[in-house]
PDB file of N, CA and C in Angstrom:
ATOM      1  N   UNK A   1      97.013 102.749 117.334  1.00  0.00           N
ATOM      2  CA  UNK A   1      98.000 101.912 116.751  1.00  0.00           C
ATOM      3  C   UNK A   1      98.725 102.582 115.903  1.00  0.00           C
ATOM      4  N   UNK A   2     100.632 101.885 116.400  1.00  0.00           N
ATOM      5  CA  UNK A   2     101.236 102.213 115.964  1.00  0.00           C
ATOM      6  C   UNK A   2     101.924 101.382 114.506  1.00  0.00           C
ATOM      7  N   UNK A   3     101.868 101.487 113.933  1.00  0.00           N
ATOM      8  CA  UNK A   3     102.301 100.306 112.480  1.00  0.00           C
ATOM      9  C   UNK A   3     104.052 101.263 111.787  1.00  0.00           C
ATOM     10  N   UNK A   4     104.782 100.457 111.565  1.00  0.00           N
ATOM     11  CA  UNK A   4     106.014 101.069 110.921  1.00  0.00           C
ATOM     12  C   UNK A   4     105.979 100.853 109.590  1.00  0.00           C
ATOM     13  N   UNK A   5     105.315 101.937 109.182  1.00  0.00           N
ATOM     14  CA  UNK A   5     105.832 102.181 107.878  1.00  0.00           C
ATOM     15  C   UNK A   5     106.346 101.950 106.999  1.00  0.00           C
ATOM     16  N   UNK A   6     107.734 102.282 107.030  1.00  0.00           N
ATOM     17  CA  UNK A   6     108.637 102.595 106.034  1.00  0.00           C
ATOM     18  C   UNK A   6     109.866 102.612 106.891  1.00  0.00           C
ATOM     19  N   UNK A   7     111.044 102.576 106.824  1.00  0.00           N
ATOM     20  CA  UNK A   7     112.335 103.172 107.289  1.00  0.00           C
ATOM     21  C   UNK A   7     112.847 103.823 106.013  1.00  0.00           C
ATOM     22  N   UNK A   8     113.304 105.383 106.494  1.00  0.00           N
ATOM     23  CA  UNK A   8     114.312 106.147 105.988  1.00  0.00           C
ATOM     24  C   UNK A   8     115.720 106.545 106.339  1.00  0.00           C
ATOM     25  N   UNK A   9     116.352 105.728 106.708  1.00  0.00           N
ATOM     26  CA  UNK A   9     117.137 105.948 107.392  1.00  0.00           C
ATOM     27  C   UNK A   9     118.194 107.486 107.442  1.00  0.00           C
ATOM     28  N   UNK A  10     118.114 107.437 108.996  1.00  0.00           N
ATOM     29  CA  UNK A  10     118.326 107.236 110.328  1.00  0.00           C
ATOM     30  C   UNK A  10     116.685 107.310 110.482  1.00  0.00           C
ATOM     31  N   UNK A  11     115.767 107.302 110.376  1.00  0.00           N
ATOM     32  CA  UNK A  11     114.670 107.400 110.688  1.00  0.00           C
ATOM     33  C   UNK A  11     113.549 106.186 110.394  1.00  0.00           C
ATOM     34  N   UNK A  12     112.907 105.672 111.376  1.00  0.00           N
ATOM     35  CA  UNK A  12     111.073 105.358 110.700  1.00  0.00           C
ATOM     36  C   UNK A  12     110.214 105.895 111.095  1.00  0.00           C
ATOM     37  N   UNK A  13     109.238 106.037 109.899  1.00  0.00           N
ATOM     38  CA  UNK A  13     107.856 106.560 110.118  1.00  0.00           C
ATOM     39  C   UNK A  13     107.216 105.253 110.191  1.00  0.00           C
ATOM     40  N   UNK A  14     106.323 105.743 111.812  1.00  0.00           N
ATOM     41  CA  UNK A  14     104.831 105.452 111.880  1.00  0.00           C
ATOM     42  C   UNK A  14     103.954 105.943 111.721  1.00  0.00           C
ATOM     43  N   UNK A  15     103.299 105.447 111.416  1.00  0.00           N
ATOM     44  CA  UNK A  15     101.707 105.605 111.083  1.00  0.00           C
ATOM     45  C   UNK A  15     100.667 105.614 112.543  1.00  0.00           C
ATOM     46  N   UNK A  16     100.197 106.520 112.769  1.00  0.00           N
ATOM     47  CA  UNK A  16      99.649 106.658 114.104  1.00  0.00           C
ATOM     48  C   UNK A  16      97.813 106.833 114.277  1.00  0.00           C
ATOM     49  N   UNK A  17      97.508 106.771 114.705  1.00  0.00           N
ATOM     50  CA  UNK A  17      95.653 106.968 114.487  1.00  0.00           C
ATOM     51  C   UNK A  17      95.394 108.648 114.574  1.00  0.00           C
ATOM     52  N   UNK A  18      96.458 109.395 114.269  1.00  0.00           N
ATOM     53  CA  UNK A  18      96.403 111.345 113.958  1.00  0.00           C
ATOM     54  C   UNK A  18      97.773 111.494 113.113  1.00  0.00           C
ATOM     55  N   UNK A  19      98.035 110.456 112.299  1.00  0.00           N
ATOM     56  CA  UNK A  19      99.029 110.693 111.379  1.00  0.00           C
ATOM     57  C   UNK A  19     100.160 109.666 110.654  1.00  0.00           C
ATOM     58  N   UNK A  20     100.935 110.635 111.137  1.00  0.00           N
ATOM     59  CA  UNK A  20     101.929 110.267 110.664  1.00  0.00           C
ATOM     60  C   UNK A  20     103.005 110.564 112.175  1.00  0.00           C
ATOM     61  N   UNK A  21     104.432 109.490 111.975  1.00  0.00           N
ATOM     62  CA  UNK A  21     105.817 110.402 113.010  1.00  0.00           C
ATOM     63  C   UNK A  21     106.797 110.392 112.594  1.00  0.00           C
ATOM     64  N   UNK A  22     108.092 110.630 112.988  1.00  0.00           N
ATOM     65  CA  UNK A  22     108.950 109.788 112.055  1.00  0.00           C
ATOM     66  C   UNK A  22     109.773 110.077 113.909  1.00  0.00           C
ATOM     67  N   UNK A  23     110.479 108.416 114.051  1.00  0.00           N
ATOM     68  CA  UNK A  23     111.198 108.536 115.416  1.00  0.00           C
ATOM     69  C   UNK A  23     112.561 107.746 114.754  1.00  0.00           C
ATOM     70  N   UNK A  24     113.932 107.807 115.775  1.00  0.00           N
ATOM     71  CA  UNK A  24     114.836 107.523 114.847  1.00  0.00           C
ATOM     72  C   UNK A  24     114.971 105.682 115.156  1.00  0.00           C
ATOM     73  N   UNK A  25     115.310 105.059 113.896  1.00  0.00           N
ATOM     74  CA  UNK A  25     115.411 103.394 113.581  1.00  0.00           C
ATOM     75  C   UNK A  25     115.547 102.960 114.890  1.00  0.00           C
ATOM     76  N   UNK A  26     117.073 103.751 116.097  1.00  0.00           N
ATOM     77  CA  UNK A  26     117.803 103.000 116.786  1.00  0.00           C
ATOM     78  C   UNK A  26     117.013 103.107 117.805  1.00  0.00           C
ATOM     79  N   UNK A  27     115.663 103.778 117.999  1.00  0.00           N
ATOM     80  CA  UNK A  27     114.571 103.796 119.228  1.00  0.00           C
ATOM     81  C   UNK A  27     114.064 102.336 118.834  1.00  0.00           C
ATOM     82  N   UNK A  28     113.838 101.584 118.490  1.00  0.00           N
ATOM     83  CA  UNK A  28     112.558 100.195 117.222  1.00  0.00           C
ATOM     84  C   UNK A  28     113.678  99.296 117.772  1.00  0.00           C
ATOM     85  N   UNK A  29     113.623  98.155 117.984  1.00  0.00           N
ATOM     86  CA  UNK A  29     113.656  96.856 118.211  1.00  0.00           C
ATOM     87  C   UNK A  29     114.441  96.243 116.415  1.00  0.00           C
ATOM     88  N   UNK A  30     115.603  96.010 116.979  1.00  0.00           N
ATOM     89  CA  UNK A  30     116.144  95.672 115.636  1.00  0.00           C
ATOM     90  C   UNK A  30     115.182  94.514 114.797  1.00  0.00           C
ATOM     91  N   UNK A  31     114.285  93.639 115.514  1.00  0.00           N
ATOM     92  CA  UNK A  31     113.167  93.088 114.695  1.00  0.00           C
ATOM     93  C   UNK A  31     112.094  93.334 114.381  1.00  0.00           C
ATOM     94  N   UNK A  32     112.400  94.935 114.371  1.00  0.00           N
ATOM     95  CA  UNK A  32     111.594  95.327 113.846  1.00  0.00           C
ATOM     96  C   UNK A  32     110.654  95.853 112.445  1.00  0.00           C
ATOM     97  N   UNK A  33     110.174  95.174 111.167  1.00  0.00           N
ATOM     98  CA  UNK A  33     110.237  95.529 109.753  1.00  0.00           C
ATOM     99  C   UNK A  33     108.812  95.834 109.091  1.00  0.00           C
ATOM    100  N   UNK A  34     108.692  96.492 108.430  1.00  0.00           N
ATOM    101  CA  UNK A  34     107.888  97.229 107.997  1.00  0.00           C
ATOM    102  C   UNK A  34     106.257  96.474 108.278  1.00  0.00           C
ATOM    103  N   UNK A  35     105.375  97.241 108.502  1.00  0.00           N
ATOM    104  CA  UNK A  35     104.065  96.138 109.348  1.00  0.00           C
ATOM    105  C   UNK A  35     103.542  95.859 110.161  1.00  0.00           C
ATOM    106  N   UNK A  36     104.999  96.106 110.814  1.00  0.00           N
ATOM    107  CA  UNK A  36     104.986  95.231 112.019  1.00  0.00           C
ATOM    108  C   UNK A  36     103.733  96.502 113.317  1.00  0.00           C
ATOM    109  N   UNK A  37     103.217  96.242 114.118  1.00  0.00           N
ATOM    110  CA  UNK A  37     102.355  96.423 114.749  1.00  0.00           C
ATOM    111  C   UNK A  37     103.008  96.434 116.332  1.00  0.00           C
ATOM    112  N   UNK A  38     103.498  98.315 116.501  1.00  0.00           N
ATOM    113  CA  UNK A  38     104.661  98.384 117.722  1.00  0.00           C
ATOM    114  C   UNK A  38     103.755  98.624 118.895  1.00  0.00           C
ATOM    115  N   UNK A  39     103.559  98.800 120.305  1.00  0.00           N
ATOM    116  CA  UNK A  39     103.279  99.240 121.016  1.00  0.00           C
ATOM    117  C   UNK A  39     105.031 100.296 121.928  1.00  0.00           C
ATOM    118  N   UNK A  40     103.949 101.310 122.462  1.00  0.00           N
ATOM    119  CA  UNK A  40     105.273 102.153 123.369  1.00  0.00           C
ATOM    120  C   UNK A  40     105.233 102.106 124.655  1.00  0.00           C
ATOM    121  N   UNK A  41     106.017 101.557 125.526  1.00  0.00           N
ATOM    122  CA  UNK A  41     106.265 101.204 126.583  1.00  0.00           C
ATOM    123  C   UNK A  41     107.120 102.209 127.402  1.00  0.00           C
ATOM    124  N   UNK A  42     106.851 102.256 128.756  1.00  0.00           N
ATOM    125  CA  UNK A  42     108.075 103.043 129.332  1.00  0.00           C
ATOM    126  C   UNK A  42     109.473 102.814 128.775  1.00  0.00           C
ATOM    127  N   UNK A  43     109.291 101.319 128.194  1.00  0.00           N
ATOM    128  CA  UNK A  43     111.388 101.110 128.419  1.00  0.00           C
ATOM    129  C   UNK A  43     111.609 101.536 126.689  1.00  0.00           C
ATOM    130  N   UNK A  44     110.744 102.155 126.014  1.00  0.00           N
ATOM    131  CA  UNK A  44     110.840 101.879 124.393  1.00  0.00           C
ATOM    132  C   UNK A  44     109.600 101.338 123.503  1.00  0.00           C
ATOM    133  N   UNK A  45     110.010 100.290 122.553  1.00  0.00           N
ATOM    134  CA  UNK A  45     108.848 100.400 121.520  1.00  0.00           C
ATOM    135  C   UNK A  45     109.123  99.040 121.268  1.00  0.00           C
ATOM    136  N   UNK A  46     107.859  98.013 121.629  1.00  0.00           N
ATOM    137  CA  UNK A  46     108.380  96.752 121.557  1.00  0.00           C
ATOM    138  C   UNK A  46     107.396  96.858 119.647  1.00  0.00           C
ATOM    139  N   UNK A  47     107.617  95.511 119.150  1.00  0.00           N
ATOM    140  CA  UNK A  47     106.892  94.671 118.388  1.00  0.00           C
ATOM    141  C   UNK A  47     105.565  93.816 119.064  1.00  0.00           C
ATOM    142  N   UNK A  48     104.704  94.313 118.557  1.00  0.00           N
ATOM    143  CA  UNK A  48     103.264  93.303 119.506  1.00  0.00           C
ATOM    144  C   UNK A  48     102.814  91.989 118.317  1.00  0.00           C
ATOM    145  N   UNK A  49     103.678  91.115 118.112  1.00  0.00           N
ATOM    146  CA  UNK A  49     103.218  90.110 117.115  1.00  0.00           C
ATOM    147  C   UNK A  49     101.961  90.080 117.290  1.00  0.00           C
ATOM    148  N   UNK A  50     100.776  89.171 118.107  1.00  0.00           N
ATOM    149  CA  UNK A  50      99.713  88.593 118.215  1.00  0.00           C
ATOM    150  C   UNK A  50      99.232  89.939 117.191  1.00  0.00           C
ATOM    151  N   UNK A  51      98.889  91.109 117.435  1.00  0.00           N
ATOM    152  CA  UNK A  51      98.535  92.273 116.867  1.00  0.00           C
ATOM    153  C   UNK A  51      98.882  92.112 114.922  1.00  0.00           C
ATOM    154  N   UNK A  52     100.545  91.968 115.167  1.00  0.00           N
ATOM    155  CA  UNK A  52     100.716  91.985 113.744  1.00  0.00           C
ATOM    156  C   UNK A  52     100.464  90.871 112.650  1.00  0.00           C
ATOM    157  N   UNK A  53     100.255  89.584 113.576  1.00  0.00           N
ATOM    158  CA  UNK A  53      99.781  88.539 112.873  1.00  0.00           C
ATOM    159  C   UNK A  53      98.208  88.449 112.589  1.00  0.00           C
ATOM    160  N   UNK A  54      97.554  89.065 113.629  1.00  0.00           N
ATOM    161  CA  UNK A  54      96.199  89.297 113.365  1.00  0.00           C
ATOM    162  C   UNK A  54      95.975  90.404 111.776  1.00  0.00           C
ATOM    163  N   UNK A  55      96.524  91.855 111.716  1.00  0.00           N
ATOM    164  CA  UNK A  55      96.809  92.147 111.185  1.00  0.00           C
ATOM    165  C   UNK A  55      97.629  91.620 109.368  1.00  0.00           C
ATOM    166  N   UNK A  56      97.836  91.544 109.759  1.00  0.00           N
ATOM    167  CA  UNK A  56      98.442  90.525 107.733  1.00  0.00           C
ATOM    168  C   UNK A  56      97.284  90.005 107.471  1.00  0.00           C
ATOM    169  N   UNK A  57      96.698  88.766 108.515  1.00  0.00           N
ATOM    170  CA  UNK A  57      95.596  88.045 108.028  1.00  0.00           C
ATOM    171  C   UNK A  57      94.980  88.907 107.633  1.00  0.00           C
ATOM    172  N   UNK A  58      94.336  89.327 108.349  1.00  0.00           N
ATOM    173  CA  UNK A  58      93.080  90.709 107.738  1.00  0.00           C
ATOM    174  C   UNK A  58      93.213  91.613 106.221  1.00  0.00           C
ATOM    175  N   UNK A  59      94.790  91.876 105.835  1.00  0.00           N
ATOM    176  CA  UNK A  59      95.242  92.446 104.549  1.00  0.00           C
ATOM    177  C   UNK A  59      95.133  91.027 104.085  1.00  0.00           C
ATOM    178  N   UNK A  60      95.573  89.727 104.336  1.00  0.00           N
ATOM    179  CA  UNK A  60      95.624  89.085 103.420  1.00  0.00           C
ATOM    180  C   UNK A  60      94.085  88.717 102.401  1.00  0.00           C
ATOM    181  N   UNK A  61      93.112  88.251 103.498  1.00  0.00           N
ATOM    182  CA  UNK A  61      91.883  88.425 103.692  1.00  0.00           C
ATOM    183  C   UNK A  61      91.010  89.664 102.767  1.00  0.00           C
ATOM    184  N   UNK A  62      91.277  90.008 102.720  1.00  0.00           N
ATOM    185  CA  UNK A  62      90.827  91.687 102.202  1.00  0.00           C
ATOM    186  C   UNK A  62      91.216  91.631 100.477  1.00  0.00           C
ATOM    187  N   UNK A  63      92.526  90.936 100.097  1.00  0.00           N
ATOM    188  CA  UNK A  63      93.441  91.168  99.283  1.00  0.00           C
ATOM    189  C   UNK A  63      92.592  89.969  98.676  1.00  0.00           C
ATOM    190  N   UNK A  64      92.657  88.825  99.140  1.00  0.00           N
ATOM    191  CA  UNK A  64      92.241  87.574  98.222  1.00  0.00           C
ATOM    192  C   UNK A  64      90.104  87.810  97.657  1.00  0.00           C
ATOM    193  N   UNK A  65      89.983  88.359  99.021  1.00  0.00           N
ATOM    194  CA  UNK A  65      88.339  88.952  98.610  1.00  0.00           C
ATOM    195  C   UNK A  65      88.285  89.892  97.275  1.00  0.00           C
ATOM    196  N   UNK A  66      89.097  90.773  97.442  1.00  0.00           N
ATOM    197  CA  UNK A  66      89.142  91.621  95.925  1.00  0.00           C
ATOM    198  C   UNK A  66      89.144  91.058  94.668  1.00  0.00           C
ATOM    199  N   UNK A  67      90.785  90.175  95.136  1.00  0.00           N
ATOM    200  CA  UNK A  67      90.583  89.392  93.507  1.00  0.00           C
ATOM    201  C   UNK A  67      89.689  88.697  93.007  1.00  0.00           C
ATOM    202  N   UNK A  68      88.785  88.238  94.005  1.00  0.00           N
ATOM    203  CA  UNK A  68      88.056  86.891  93.328  1.00  0.00           C
ATOM    204  C   UNK A  68      86.962  88.143  92.705  1.00  0.00           C
ATOM    205  N   UNK A  69      86.401  89.070  92.488  1.00  0.00           N
ATOM    206  CA  UNK A  69      85.120  90.241  92.223  1.00  0.00           C
ATOM    207  C   UNK A  69      86.622  90.337  90.504  1.00  0.00           C
TER     208      UNK A  69
END
């Protein structure tokens, strides 16, 4: 899984299963933002809207669960 961790112009830092990597921000779609799940295709990176939504919901659930304790 590739997650857009942060943008350090002109680079974007992606979290991967094996660590992190920097790519040029210009290689990502203009709508990509921190926290988005990305997929690499033969034509470049694309935002996986479904997985991004699932990940955000899971993180929100975890945060709410932690606040209850």
